């Protein structure tokens, strides 16, 4: 028996490349067709995870009808803590402007009062409630040859608030026959009151002259 030798023809490179291209094209179509046919029947439960889903590919409508988990319980409000300790006192602020003040005065210059050898109210100033700085002065004029003793007090509502010292004017015609008696005080009046100057002398031979009483209202007495 004779052996028959079959010699296969050698294929050209161009034919080989063409056949490979046809094979790849046919295989890709098959894979694409197979992928398009994958549905819920081909996917097992719980087999798809977040890693398998393309980011930002799902929309709110894709979650419609899904079951949400239970809402968590709201936490209870805690008890109010204890009040903290008071802080240190702050620095003193800038002093504000000085408020307005009112001045009051009474002057009897030119209307002399004759001494009576007893206490006399020689000047009166009526003031509303408030704090005041008071000043007063009275000129004692001796018309006699003797040396009388004179003195004046500052009063509020009849109560002495400045007890004046006794002075002795010189005899009539002497250098010191006329002397001033001065008064002054700071006081707070709870209600409207009369401030007076009351003077007395040991003789009746003279006059009370130039009787002045002033009051300046202030914010407070320090």
Protein backbone atom coordinates (compact mmCIF):
# COMPACT_ATOMS: atom_id res chain seq x y z
CA UNK A 1 0.00 0.00 0.00
CA UNK A 2 1.31 3.30 -1.00
CA UNK A 3 1.42 6.16 1.39
CA UNK A 4 -0.17 9.36 0.10
CA UNK A 5 1.41 12.48 1.34
CA UNK A 6 -0.86 15.50 1.63
CA UNK A 7 1.01 18.75 1.62
CA UNK A 8 -0.83 21.72 3.05
CA UNK A 9 -0.38 24.92 1.22
CA UNK A 10 1.43 27.65 3.02
CA UNK A 11 -0.88 30.60 3.91
CA UNK A 12 0.18 34.14 3.26
CA UNK A 13 0.57 36.57 6.25
CA UNK A 14 -2.18 38.84 4.90
CA UNK A 15 -4.66 35.97 4.94
CA UNK A 16 -3.72 35.04 8.46
CA UNK A 17 -4.30 38.64 9.71
CA UNK A 18 -7.66 38.80 7.98
CA UNK A 19 -8.79 35.55 9.57
CA UNK A 20 -7.76 36.77 13.07
CA UNK A 21 -9.66 40.02 12.60
CA UNK A 22 -12.79 38.08 11.56
CA UNK A 23 -12.46 35.86 14.64
CA UNK A 24 -12.13 38.82 17.04
CA UNK A 25 -15.09 40.60 15.45
CA UNK A 26 -17.32 37.53 15.73
CA UNK A 27 -16.25 36.87 19.34
CA UNK A 28 -16.90 40.50 20.46
CA UNK A 29 -20.40 40.48 19.03
CA UNK A 30 -21.17 37.28 20.85
CA UNK A 31 -19.95 38.67 24.15
CA UNK A 32 -21.91 41.90 23.72
CA UNK A 33 -25.03 39.97 22.84
CA UNK A 34 -24.58 37.74 25.85
CA UNK A 35 -24.08 40.75 28.19
CA UNK A 36 -27.24 42.42 26.94
CA UNK A 37 -29.26 39.35 27.87
CA UNK A 38 -28.22 39.39 31.59
CA UNK A 39 -31.23 40.24 33.78
CA UNK A 40 -32.72 39.60 37.23
CA UNK A 41 -33.07 35.91 36.41
CA UNK A 42 -29.32 35.61 35.91
CA UNK A 43 -28.39 37.53 39.14
CA UNK A 44 -28.53 35.78 42.48
CA UNK A 45 -29.93 37.65 45.52
CA UNK A 46 -27.40 39.75 47.43
CA UNK A 47 -24.77 39.13 44.77
CA UNK A 48 -24.53 42.81 43.59
CA UNK A 49 -22.75 45.21 45.96
CA UNK A 50 -21.88 48.89 45.85
CA UNK A 51 -18.52 48.08 44.31
CA UNK A 52 -20.33 46.68 41.24
CA UNK A 53 -22.36 49.88 40.66
CA UNK A 54 -20.86 52.78 38.74
CA UNK A 55 -20.54 55.95 40.84
CA UNK A 56 -23.30 58.53 40.18
CA UNK A 57 -25.11 56.14 37.85
CA UNK A 58 -28.17 55.73 40.12
CA UNK A 59 -30.90 58.36 40.41
CA UNK A 60 -33.52 58.99 43.16
CA UNK A 61 -36.14 57.30 40.97
CA UNK A 62 -34.11 54.07 41.14
CA UNK A 63 -34.77 53.92 44.89
CA UNK A 64 -38.52 54.54 44.67
CA UNK A 65 -40.46 51.88 46.51
CA UNK A 66 -37.46 50.61 48.44
CA UNK A 67 -37.81 49.94 52.17
CA UNK A 68 -36.07 52.37 54.48
CA UNK A 69 -34.60 51.41 57.79
CA UNK A 70 -36.24 52.59 61.03
CA UNK A 71 -35.49 56.14 62.14
CA UNK A 72 -33.21 56.41 65.15
CA UNK A 73 -34.53 57.62 68.47
CA UNK A 74 -33.95 61.26 69.33
CA UNK A 75 -31.59 61.71 72.24
CA UNK A 76 -32.87 63.11 75.53
CA UNK A 77 -31.96 66.68 76.50
CA UNK A 78 -29.36 66.72 79.22
CA UNK A 79 -29.80 68.57 82.50
CA UNK A 80 -28.71 72.23 82.70
CA UNK A 81 -25.27 72.62 84.17
CA UNK A 82 -24.52 74.61 87.31
CA UNK A 83 -23.97 78.37 87.03
CA UNK A 84 -20.33 79.23 86.67
CA UNK A 85 -18.44 81.50 89.04
CA UNK A 86 -18.67 85.25 88.48
CA UNK A 87 -15.90 86.71 86.39
CA UNK A 88 -13.47 89.38 87.51
CA UNK A 89 -14.67 92.97 87.54
CA UNK A 90 -13.92 94.81 84.34
CA UNK A 91 -11.90 97.98 84.05
CA UNK A 92 -13.59 101.25 84.97
CA UNK A 93 -15.11 103.00 82.00
CA UNK A 94 -14.40 106.52 80.86
CA UNK A 95 -16.04 109.18 83.03
CA UNK A 96 -19.06 110.71 81.40
CA UNK A 97 -19.69 114.42 81.00
CA UNK A 98 -20.74 116.46 84.03
CA UNK A 99 -24.49 116.77 84.22
CA UNK A 100 -26.33 120.09 84.36
CA UNK A 101 -26.59 121.89 87.72
CA UNK A 102 -29.06 124.43 89.04
CA UNK A 103 -28.20 127.44 91.15
CA UNK A 104 -30.44 129.18 93.68
CA UNK A 105 -29.86 132.38 95.61
CA UNK A 106 -31.34 135.05 97.87
CA UNK A 107 -29.76 138.49 98.43
CA UNK A 108 -31.05 141.21 100.75
CA UNK A 109 -28.34 143.81 100.13
CA UNK A 110 -29.64 147.30 100.89
CA UNK A 111 -32.46 146.09 103.19
CA UNK A 112 -30.88 146.27 106.65
CA UNK A 113 -32.36 144.59 109.72
CA UNK A 114 -31.94 146.19 113.15
CA UNK A 115 -30.57 144.02 115.92
CA UNK A 116 -33.11 142.91 118.54
CA UNK A 117 -30.71 141.38 121.08
CA UNK A 118 -32.38 138.01 120.22
CA UNK A 119 -32.22 135.44 117.43
CA UNK A 120 -33.58 136.66 114.09
CA UNK A 121 -34.10 134.90 110.76
CA UNK A 122 -32.21 137.20 108.43
CA UNK A 123 -32.41 135.20 105.14
CA UNK A 124 -34.54 132.37 103.70
CA UNK A 125 -34.11 130.21 100.56
CA UNK A 126 -36.73 127.59 99.59
CA UNK A 127 -35.26 124.57 97.77
CA UNK A 128 -36.75 121.46 96.12
CA UNK A 129 -35.56 117.96 97.05
CA UNK A 130 -31.99 117.17 96.00
CA UNK A 131 -28.34 117.54 96.99
CA UNK A 132 -26.86 121.02 97.45
CA UNK A 133 -23.73 122.93 98.35
CA UNK A 134 -24.83 125.89 100.52
CA UNK A 135 -22.99 129.14 101.22
CA UNK A 136 -24.09 132.19 103.16
CA UNK A 137 -22.75 135.46 104.52
CA UNK A 138 -24.08 138.26 106.72
CA UNK A 139 -22.45 141.62 107.47
CA UNK A 140 -22.75 142.65 111.15
CA UNK A 141 -22.55 146.44 111.66
CA UNK A 142 -22.08 147.75 115.23
CA UNK A 143 -23.60 151.17 115.81
CA UNK A 144 -22.83 151.35 119.57
CA UNK A 145 -19.85 152.31 121.63
CA UNK A 146 -19.71 148.91 123.29
CA UNK A 147 -18.33 145.59 122.06
CA UNK A 148 -21.33 143.30 121.28
CA UNK A 149 -21.15 139.54 120.68
CA UNK A 150 -22.77 138.36 117.42
CA UNK A 151 -23.12 135.00 115.65
CA UNK A 152 -25.10 133.36 112.80
CA UNK A 153 -26.23 129.76 112.16
CA UNK A 154 -27.20 127.98 108.91
CA UNK A 155 -30.37 125.91 109.30
CA UNK A 156 -32.49 123.45 107.25
CA UNK A 157 -36.08 123.16 108.41
CA UNK A 158 -35.10 124.81 111.70
CA UNK A 159 -32.23 122.36 112.36
CA UNK A 160 -28.72 123.82 112.60
CA UNK A 161 -26.32 122.35 109.99
CA UNK A 162 -23.52 124.94 110.42
CA UNK A 163 -23.01 126.44 113.86
CA UNK A 164 -21.28 129.79 113.38
CA UNK A 165 -18.63 131.10 115.80
CA UNK A 166 -19.12 134.11 118.01
CA UNK A 167 -17.38 137.28 116.86
CA UNK A 168 -16.99 140.72 118.42
CA UNK A 169 -17.19 143.76 116.14
CA UNK A 170 -15.29 146.89 117.10
CA UNK A 171 -16.93 149.97 118.58
CA UNK A 172 -18.79 152.36 116.29
CA UNK A 173 -16.26 154.35 114.31
CA UNK A 174 -13.47 151.84 114.94
CA UNK A 175 -11.74 149.92 112.17
CA UNK A 176 -13.56 146.61 112.85
CA UNK A 177 -17.07 147.92 113.50
CA UNK A 178 -18.34 145.90 110.49
CA UNK A 179 -17.48 142.18 110.15
CA UNK A 180 -18.75 139.34 107.89
CA UNK A 181 -20.12 136.11 109.36
CA UNK A 182 -19.86 133.21 106.85
CA UNK A 183 -21.77 129.91 106.66
CA UNK A 184 -21.45 126.83 104.46
CA UNK A 185 -22.52 123.18 104.25
CA UNK A 186 -23.36 120.32 101.86
CA UNK A 187 -26.74 118.70 102.38
CA UNK A 188 -29.21 116.32 100.73
CA UNK A 189 -32.88 117.26 101.08
CA UNK A 190 -35.35 114.36 100.99
CA UNK A 191 -38.16 116.82 100.27
CA UNK A 192 -38.63 120.51 99.58
CA UNK A 193 -37.27 122.51 102.51
CA UNK A 194 -36.50 126.03 103.68
CA UNK A 195 -32.85 126.89 104.26
CA UNK A 196 -32.34 129.87 106.59
CA UNK A 197 -29.69 132.01 108.22
CA UNK A 198 -30.50 132.89 111.83
CA UNK A 199 -28.41 135.52 113.67
CA UNK A 200 -28.43 136.98 117.18
CA UNK A 201 -26.57 139.74 119.04
CA UNK A 202 -25.97 140.69 122.64
CA UNK A 203 -27.16 144.28 122.11
CA UNK A 204 -29.73 146.11 120.00
CA UNK A 205 -27.37 148.76 118.67
CA UNK A 206 -26.55 147.56 115.18
CA UNK A 207 -27.81 146.13 111.87
CA UNK A 208 -27.61 142.92 109.82
CA UNK A 209 -26.53 144.00 106.33
CA UNK A 210 -25.68 142.29 103.00
CA UNK A 211 -27.46 139.00 103.78
CA UNK A 212 -26.72 136.46 100.99
CA UNK A 213 -27.65 132.76 100.78
CA UNK A 214 -26.84 130.57 97.73
CA UNK A 215 -27.34 126.89 96.84
CA UNK A 216 -25.87 124.89 93.94
CA UNK A 217 -27.58 121.59 93.12
CA UNK A 218 -25.20 118.65 92.53
CA UNK A 219 -25.57 115.03 91.43
CA UNK A 220 -24.62 113.62 94.82
CA UNK A 221 -22.77 114.45 98.00
CA UNK A 222 -19.53 112.49 98.23
